[in-house]
C-alpha atoms as a PDB file:
ATOM      1  CA  MET A   1     -64.331 308.138  24.199  1.00  0.00           C
ATOM      2  CA  ALA A   2     -62.348 309.007  21.072  1.00  0.00           C
ATOM      3  CA  SER A   3     -62.981 312.725  21.597  1.00  0.00           C
ATOM      4  CA  GLY A   4     -61.536 312.465  25.126  1.00  0.00           C
ATOM      5  CA  SER A   5     -58.351 310.827  23.873  1.00  0.00           C
ATOM      6  CA  ARG A   6     -58.159 313.432  21.101  1.00  0.00           C
ATOM      7  CA  LEU A   7     -58.326 316.200  23.690  1.00  0.00           C
ATOM      8  CA  LEU A   8     -55.575 314.550  25.693  1.00  0.00           C
ATOM      9  CA  ALA A   9     -53.427 314.265  22.549  1.00  0.00           C
ATOM     10  CA  GLU A  10     -53.901 317.958  21.791  1.00  0.00           C
ATOM     11  CA  GLN A  11     -53.049 318.925  25.365  1.00  0.00           C
ATOM     12  CA  ARG A  12     -49.968 316.712  25.285  1.00  0.00           C
ATOM     13  CA  ARG A  13     -48.857 318.232  21.978  1.00  0.00           C
ATOM     14  CA  ARG A  14     -49.200 321.750  23.381  1.00  0.00           C
ATOM     15  CA  LYS A  15     -46.999 320.738  26.305  1.00  0.00           C
ATOM     16  CA  ILE A  16     -44.517 319.119  23.932  1.00  0.00           C
ATOM     17  CA  LEU A  17     -44.371 322.308  21.878  1.00  0.00           C
ATOM     18  CA  GLU A  18     -43.799 324.381  25.033  1.00  0.00           C
ATOM     19  CA  PHE A  19     -40.986 322.029  26.025  1.00  0.00           C
ATOM     20  CA  ILE A  20     -39.375 322.285  22.572  1.00  0.00           C
ATOM     21  CA  GLU A  21     -39.643 326.082  22.675  1.00  0.00           C
ATOM     22  CA  HIS A  22     -38.057 326.179  26.131  1.00  0.00           C
ATOM     23  CA  LYS A  23     -35.327 323.563  25.683  1.00  0.00           C
ATOM     24  CA  GLY A  24     -34.802 323.824  21.921  1.00  0.00           C
ATOM     25  CA  GLN A  25     -35.159 320.099  21.301  1.00  0.00           C
ATOM     26  CA  ILE A  26     -36.715 316.898  22.579  1.00  0.00           C
ATOM     27  CA  THR A  27     -36.183 313.217  21.890  1.00  0.00           C
ATOM     28  CA  VAL A  28     -38.743 310.474  21.402  1.00  0.00           C
ATOM     29  CA  ARG A  29     -37.298 308.752  24.470  1.00  0.00           C
ATOM     30  CA  GLU A  30     -37.811 311.892  26.602  1.00  0.00           C
ATOM     31  CA  LEU A  31     -41.392 312.236  25.390  1.00  0.00           C
ATOM     32  CA  ALA A  32     -42.239 308.607  26.046  1.00  0.00           C
ATOM     33  CA  SER A  33     -40.865 308.883  29.571  1.00  0.00           C
ATOM     34  CA  ARG A  34     -42.265 312.340  30.404  1.00  0.00           C
ATOM     35  CA  PHE A  35     -45.812 311.607  29.183  1.00  0.00           C
ATOM     36  CA  SER A  36     -45.946 307.850  29.841  1.00  0.00           C
ATOM     37  CA  VAL A  37     -46.728 307.055  26.214  1.00  0.00           C
ATOM     38  CA  SER A  38     -45.239 304.588  23.745  1.00  0.00           C
ATOM     39  CA  ALA A  39     -42.467 305.594  21.356  1.00  0.00           C
ATOM     40  CA  VAL A  40     -44.976 305.187  18.518  1.00  0.00           C
ATOM     41  CA  THR A  41     -47.316 307.713  20.167  1.00  0.00           C
ATOM     42  CA  ALA A  42     -44.425 310.105  20.826  1.00  0.00           C
ATOM     43  CA  ARG A  43     -43.333 309.910  17.185  1.00  0.00           C
ATOM     44  CA  GLY A  44     -46.923 310.507  16.089  1.00  0.00           C
ATOM     45  CA  ASP A  45     -47.115 313.609  18.279  1.00  0.00           C
ATOM     46  CA  LEU A  46     -43.865 314.950  16.817  1.00  0.00           C
ATOM     47  CA  ASP A  47     -44.996 314.149  13.279  1.00  0.00           C
ATOM     48  CA  ALA A  48     -48.274 315.994  13.910  1.00  0.00           C
ATOM     49  CA  LEU A  49     -46.468 319.080  15.240  1.00  0.00           C
ATOM     50  CA  CYS A  50     -44.039 319.033  12.330  1.00  0.00           C
ATOM     51  CA  SER A  51     -46.831 318.610   9.765  1.00  0.00           C
ATOM     52  CA  GLU A  52     -48.353 321.801  11.205  1.00  0.00           C
ATOM     53  CA  ASN A  53     -44.962 323.463  10.692  1.00  0.00           C
ATOM     54  CA  LEU A  54     -44.532 324.051  14.440  1.00  0.00           C
ATOM     55  CA  ALA A  55     -41.261 322.110  14.851  1.00  0.00           C
ATOM     56  CA  ILE A  56     -38.627 320.411  12.730  1.00  0.00           C
ATOM     57  CA  ARG A  57     -38.335 316.638  12.893  1.00  0.00           C
ATOM     58  CA  SER A  58     -34.856 315.235  13.365  1.00  0.00           C
ATOM     59  CA  HIS A  59     -33.515 311.740  13.839  1.00  0.00           C
ATOM     60  CA  GLY A  60     -34.809 310.555  17.202  1.00  0.00           C
ATOM     61  CA  GLY A  61     -36.765 313.681  18.061  1.00  0.00           C
ATOM     62  CA  ALA A  62     -37.526 317.252  17.034  1.00  0.00           C
ATOM     63  CA  VAL A  63     -36.024 320.724  17.328  1.00  0.00           C
ATOM     64  CA  ARG A  64     -37.455 324.212  17.591  1.00  0.00           C
ATOM     65  CA  LYS A  65     -38.616 325.824  14.376  1.00  0.00           C
ATOM     66  CA  LEU A  66     -36.569 328.820  13.389  1.00  0.00           C
ATOM     67  CA  GLN A  67     -38.288 332.183  13.501  1.00  0.00           C
ATOM     68  CA  THR A  68     -38.286 333.975  10.167  1.00  0.00           C
ATOM     69  CA  GLY A  69     -39.335 337.450   9.211  1.00  0.00           C
ATOM     70  CA  SER A  70     -38.149 341.026   9.471  1.00  0.00           C
ATOM     71  CA  ASP A  71     -37.305 340.786  13.175  1.00  0.00           C
ATOM     72  CA  THR A  72     -34.739 337.997  12.797  1.00  0.00           C
ATOM     73  CA  GLY A  73     -31.828 340.377  13.325  1.00  0.00           C
ATOM     74  CA  THR A  74     -28.542 340.395  11.503  1.00  0.00           C
ATOM     75  CA  ALA A  75     -27.347 337.739   9.104  1.00  0.00           C
ATOM     76  CA  SER A  76     -24.702 336.768  11.655  1.00  0.00           C
ATOM     77  CA  LYS A  77     -27.301 335.988  14.338  1.00  0.00           C
ATOM     78  CA  GLU A  78     -29.348 334.025  11.832  1.00  0.00           C
ATOM     79  CA  SER A  79     -26.282 332.065  10.776  1.00  0.00           C
ATOM     80  CA  GLN A  80     -25.502 331.242  14.404  1.00  0.00           C
ATOM     81  CA  ARG A  81     -29.071 330.035  14.990  1.00  0.00           C
ATOM     82  CA  PHE A  82     -28.991 327.927  11.833  1.00  0.00           C
ATOM     83  CA  SER A  83     -25.689 326.397  12.919  1.00  0.00           C
ATOM     84  CA  GLU A  84     -27.074 325.578  16.359  1.00  0.00           C
ATOM     85  CA  VAL A  85     -30.217 323.955  14.950  1.00  0.00           C
ATOM     86  CA  ALA A  86     -28.132 321.964  12.461  1.00  0.00           C
ATOM     87  CA  ARG A  87     -25.918 320.747  15.291  1.00  0.00           C
ATOM     88  CA  LEU A  88     -28.867 319.793  17.513  1.00  0.00           C
ATOM     89  CA  ALA A  89     -30.748 318.108  14.674  1.00  0.00           C
ATOM     90  CA  LYS A  90     -27.595 316.423  13.384  1.00  0.00           C
ATOM     91  CA  VAL A  91     -28.271 317.645   9.860  1.00  0.00           C
ATOM     92  CA  SER A  92     -26.348 319.878   7.483  1.00  0.00           C
ATOM     93  CA  LEU A  93     -26.473 323.654   7.664  1.00  0.00           C
ATOM     94  CA  ASN A  94     -27.786 323.594   4.094  1.00  0.00           C
ATOM     95  CA  THR A  95     -30.764 321.461   5.193  1.00  0.00           C
ATOM     96  CA  VAL A  96     -31.641 323.910   7.973  1.00  0.00           C
ATOM     97  CA  SER A  97     -31.337 326.872   5.605  1.00  0.00           C
ATOM     98  CA  ARG A  98     -33.699 325.247   3.090  1.00  0.00           C
ATOM     99  CA  VAL A  99     -36.293 324.408   5.754  1.00  0.00           C
ATOM    100  CA  ALA A 100     -36.201 327.951   7.145  1.00  0.00           C
ATOM    101  CA  GLN A 101     -36.990 329.539   3.780  1.00  0.00           C
END
């Protein structure tokens, strides 16, 4: 039975990641409600995604991971994205910049 629950967790995490990519952020409360799981389970899902470097954990939820590489565009666009992530995650711009590197 453990393998069945593991599969469900992986499926749920894929859906969570899709939601984060689409919306840009998600809260523990939204996850618990959307997937009918406890807040502890929702936090565990977010922690698992963040440990795989697929999202960035923030207070009460998670935000989309910034894309890095040669196709990121100009420094101005990158700065705007960093500012938006910092605002959504309620962390400093410096914190976002360090995580993105």
